[in-house]
Protein backbone atom coordinates (compact mmCIF):
# COMPACT_ATOMS: atom_id res chain seq x y z
CA LEU A 1 -6.46 -14.28 10.25
CA ALA A 2 -5.65 -14.17 13.95
CA PRO A 3 -3.49 -11.02 13.78
CA LEU A 4 -6.20 -9.20 11.83
CA LEU A 5 -9.33 -10.47 13.58
CA PRO A 6 -8.17 -11.57 17.04
CA VAL A 7 -11.56 -11.73 18.77
CA THR A 8 -13.32 -13.48 15.88
CA THR A 9 -10.59 -16.07 15.39
CA GLU A 10 -10.44 -16.73 19.13
CA ASP A 11 -14.20 -17.40 19.14
CA LEU A 12 -13.90 -19.72 16.13
CA TRP A 13 -10.90 -21.52 17.65
CA ARG A 14 -13.10 -22.94 20.41
CA PHE A 15 -15.24 -24.81 17.86
CA ILE A 16 -12.50 -26.33 15.69
CA PRO A 17 -12.43 -30.12 16.19
CA GLY A 18 -9.25 -31.95 17.19
CA SER A 19 -6.46 -31.26 19.63
CA ARG A 20 -5.15 -27.72 19.74
CA THR A 21 -3.63 -25.11 22.04
CA SER A 22 -5.87 -23.16 24.39
CA SER A 23 -5.66 -20.02 22.23
CA VAL A 24 -5.27 -19.40 18.51
CA HIS A 25 -2.54 -16.92 19.41
CA LEU A 26 -0.45 -19.67 21.01
CA ALA A 27 -0.67 -21.99 18.01
CA ASP A 28 2.23 -22.47 15.61
CA PHE A 29 1.91 -21.48 11.98
CA PRO A 30 1.51 -24.48 9.66
CA ASN A 31 4.85 -25.66 8.29
CA ASN A 32 3.59 -27.63 5.30
CA CYS A 33 2.50 -24.59 3.26
CA LYS A 34 4.77 -25.51 0.33
CA ALA A 35 2.15 -28.04 -0.74
CA LEU A 36 -0.28 -25.15 -1.20
CA VAL A 37 2.01 -23.23 -3.57
CA ASP A 38 1.22 -23.53 -7.28
CA ASN A 39 4.62 -23.01 -8.93
CA ASP A 40 3.10 -22.96 -12.42
CA LEU A 41 0.74 -20.15 -11.40
CA LEU A 42 3.63 -18.23 -9.82
CA ALA A 43 5.68 -18.58 -13.02
CA ARG A 44 2.78 -17.33 -15.17
CA TRP A 45 2.30 -14.31 -12.91
CA LYS A 46 6.01 -13.56 -12.92
CA ARG A 47 5.84 -13.42 -16.74
CA LEU A 48 2.69 -11.27 -16.70
CA LEU A 49 4.20 -8.80 -14.23
CA ALA A 50 7.41 -8.57 -16.30
CA LEU A 51 5.30 -7.72 -19.35
CA ARG A 52 3.35 -5.18 -17.30
CA ASP A 53 6.65 -3.46 -16.45
CA HIS A 54 7.35 -3.07 -20.19
CA VAL A 55 3.84 -1.74 -20.82
CA ASN A 56 4.20 0.71 -17.92
CA ARG A 57 7.43 2.07 -19.43
CA GLU A 58 5.57 2.78 -22.67
CA LEU A 59 2.67 4.36 -20.79
CA GLU A 60 5.08 6.58 -18.88
CA ARG A 61 6.71 7.66 -22.15
CA LEU A 62 3.28 8.71 -23.47
CA ARG A 63 2.57 10.58 -20.23
CA GLN A 64 5.84 12.49 -20.49
CA GLU A 65 5.04 13.38 -24.10
CA LYS A 66 1.61 14.61 -22.88
CA ILE A 67 -0.20 12.20 -25.23
CA VAL A 68 -2.13 10.65 -22.34
CA GLY A 69 -2.81 11.87 -18.83
CA THR A 70 -3.72 8.55 -17.23
CA SER A 71 -3.19 4.96 -18.28
CA LEU A 72 -6.96 4.58 -18.82
CA GLU A 73 -6.61 6.95 -21.78
CA ALA A 74 -4.46 4.33 -23.55
CA THR A 75 -4.98 1.27 -25.70
CA VAL A 76 -2.26 -1.38 -25.67
CA SER A 77 -1.65 -3.49 -28.77
CA LEU A 78 0.41 -6.63 -28.24
CA HIS A 79 1.75 -8.46 -31.29
CA THR A 80 2.68 -11.83 -29.83
CA ASP A 81 4.00 -15.25 -30.74
CA GLY A 82 5.15 -18.46 -29.06
CA VAL A 83 4.42 -19.14 -25.41
CA THR A 84 3.82 -15.42 -24.86
CA ALA A 85 0.83 -15.56 -27.21
CA SER A 86 -0.72 -18.55 -25.46
CA LEU A 87 -0.19 -16.98 -22.02
CA LEU A 88 -1.78 -13.68 -23.03
CA GLU A 89 -4.68 -15.37 -24.81
CA SER A 90 -5.54 -17.23 -21.61
CA TYR A 91 -5.61 -13.92 -19.67
CA GLU A 92 -7.03 -11.74 -22.46
CA ALA A 93 -10.11 -10.56 -20.55
CA PHE A 94 -7.96 -9.64 -17.52
CA LEU A 95 -5.20 -7.73 -19.35
CA PRO A 96 -6.91 -4.29 -19.29
CA THR A 97 -7.20 -4.64 -15.52
CA LEU A 98 -3.58 -5.78 -15.19
CA PHE A 99 -2.26 -2.87 -17.26
CA ILE A 100 -4.90 -0.40 -15.95
CA THR A 101 -5.81 0.59 -19.50
CA SER A 102 -9.13 0.88 -21.28
CA ASN A 103 -8.36 -1.71 -23.91
CA VAL A 104 -5.83 -4.38 -24.86
CA VAL A 105 -5.67 -5.81 -28.37
CA LEU A 106 -3.84 -9.08 -29.05
CA ALA A 107 -2.56 -9.78 -32.55
CA PRO A 108 -0.23 -12.41 -34.04
CA ASN A 109 3.41 -11.37 -34.31
CA ASP A 110 3.84 -11.79 -38.06
CA SER A 111 6.16 -9.78 -40.29
CA LYS A 112 3.29 -7.76 -41.80
CA ALA A 113 2.06 -6.74 -38.35
CA LEU A 114 5.60 -5.90 -37.24
CA SER A 115 6.22 -3.69 -40.26
CA GLN A 116 2.91 -1.90 -39.61
CA VAL A 117 3.86 -1.36 -35.96
CA ALA A 118 7.26 -0.08 -37.07
CA LYS A 119 5.57 2.42 -39.41
CA GLU A 120 3.20 3.61 -36.66
CA SER A 121 5.88 3.60 -34.00
CA PRO A 122 9.40 3.97 -35.45
CA GLU A 123 10.93 3.94 -31.97
CA VAL A 124 10.09 0.22 -31.54
CA SER A 125 13.68 -0.93 -31.71
CA GLU A 126 15.23 1.72 -29.48
CA SER A 127 12.46 2.32 -26.94
CA GLY A 128 12.57 -1.15 -25.44
CA ASN A 129 8.97 -2.01 -26.17
CA VAL A 130 9.79 -5.51 -27.34
CA PHE A 131 9.23 -8.12 -24.64
CA MET A 132 11.14 -11.37 -25.20
CA GLU A 133 10.85 -14.64 -23.29
CA GLN A 134 13.29 -17.51 -23.01
CA ASP A 135 12.64 -21.11 -22.05
CA ASP A 136 14.54 -22.94 -19.30
CA ASP A 137 17.45 -23.58 -21.70
CA GLY A 138 17.80 -19.89 -22.56
CA GLN A 139 16.32 -20.36 -26.04
CA TYR A 140 13.80 -17.98 -27.62
CA ALA A 141 10.29 -18.93 -26.47
CA GLY A 142 8.10 -16.01 -27.48
CA SER A 143 7.78 -12.27 -27.70
CA ALA A 144 5.41 -9.35 -27.63
CA VAL A 145 5.82 -6.10 -29.51
CA ILE A 146 4.16 -3.46 -27.37
CA ASN A 147 2.43 -0.54 -29.06
CA VAL A 148 0.64 1.94 -26.81
CA LYS A 149 -1.45 4.79 -28.18
CA ARG A 150 -4.20 7.13 -27.06
CA THR A 151 -7.54 5.37 -27.05
CA THR A 152 -10.69 6.55 -28.74
CA GLY A 153 -14.20 6.36 -27.43
CA THR A 154 -16.26 7.82 -24.65
CA LYS A 155 -15.27 7.88 -20.99
CA CYS A 156 -17.54 5.87 -18.69
CA GLU A 157 -18.65 8.08 -15.81
CA ARG A 158 -18.39 5.26 -13.29
CA CYS A 159 -15.18 3.31 -14.07
CA TRP A 160 -13.47 5.98 -16.25
CA ARG A 161 -12.56 3.45 -18.95
CA TYR A 162 -12.88 4.63 -22.53
CA VAL A 163 -15.37 2.48 -24.45
CA ASN A 164 -16.95 2.54 -27.90
CA SER A 165 -20.42 3.26 -26.56
CA VAL A 166 -22.06 4.25 -23.30
CA SER A 167 -25.65 3.82 -22.21
CA THR A 168 -28.21 6.47 -23.02
CA SER A 169 -31.15 4.96 -21.16
CA GLY A 170 -31.31 4.20 -17.46
CA PRO A 171 -28.07 5.32 -15.87
CA SER A 172 -26.65 7.30 -18.79
CA GLY A 173 -22.98 7.65 -19.56
CA LEU A 174 -22.07 4.18 -18.28
CA CYS A 175 -20.35 1.34 -20.12
CA LYS A 176 -22.04 -2.04 -20.50
CA ARG A 177 -19.93 -3.57 -17.72
CA CYS A 178 -20.98 -0.86 -15.24
CA VAL A 179 -24.66 -1.09 -16.23
CA GLU A 180 -24.55 -4.85 -15.58
CA ALA A 181 -22.75 -4.35 -12.25
CA LEU A 182 -25.34 -1.84 -11.07
CA ALA A 183 -28.19 -4.09 -12.21
CA GLU A 184 -26.68 -6.91 -10.14
CA VAL A 185 -26.52 -4.71 -7.03
CA ASN A 186 -30.10 -3.49 -7.44
């Protein structure tokens, strides 16, 4: 924090117990930071960000085709299996925020679902919207078939997400999440 809040950190430095340099700005950075790194968390986020890149490619394709204007006008359907399914299930509530979309739907990656996705989106095989993961040995570990389409619903006037229903009483035109957030502030 010292580079960002020099005066505040200098004031706090005087009250930290133990031996130390005369100024926070003369102190060395800690060299044992590797113990603070969670490699499992980093690996999960690397996988999530790789998937987000695939989703963004599909969103950009829809933008170029003038189907959506912004990513919030889209719903992402992910037909998943293997370790990909378990990863996405653990982050399910966060996925719309990660992809900056109004909605994300997770579904199992079975043959019936894949054939339905292929009917709705025949460009599945050539557009690159299949995300595949490998384990440490290079073997298949899981996949996600990405289907992005224009969302339905009403646009929330506060967060701009498209939701199934917005409030009509109190602050009208807001989604449930925004109504709860405003109630918390007030």
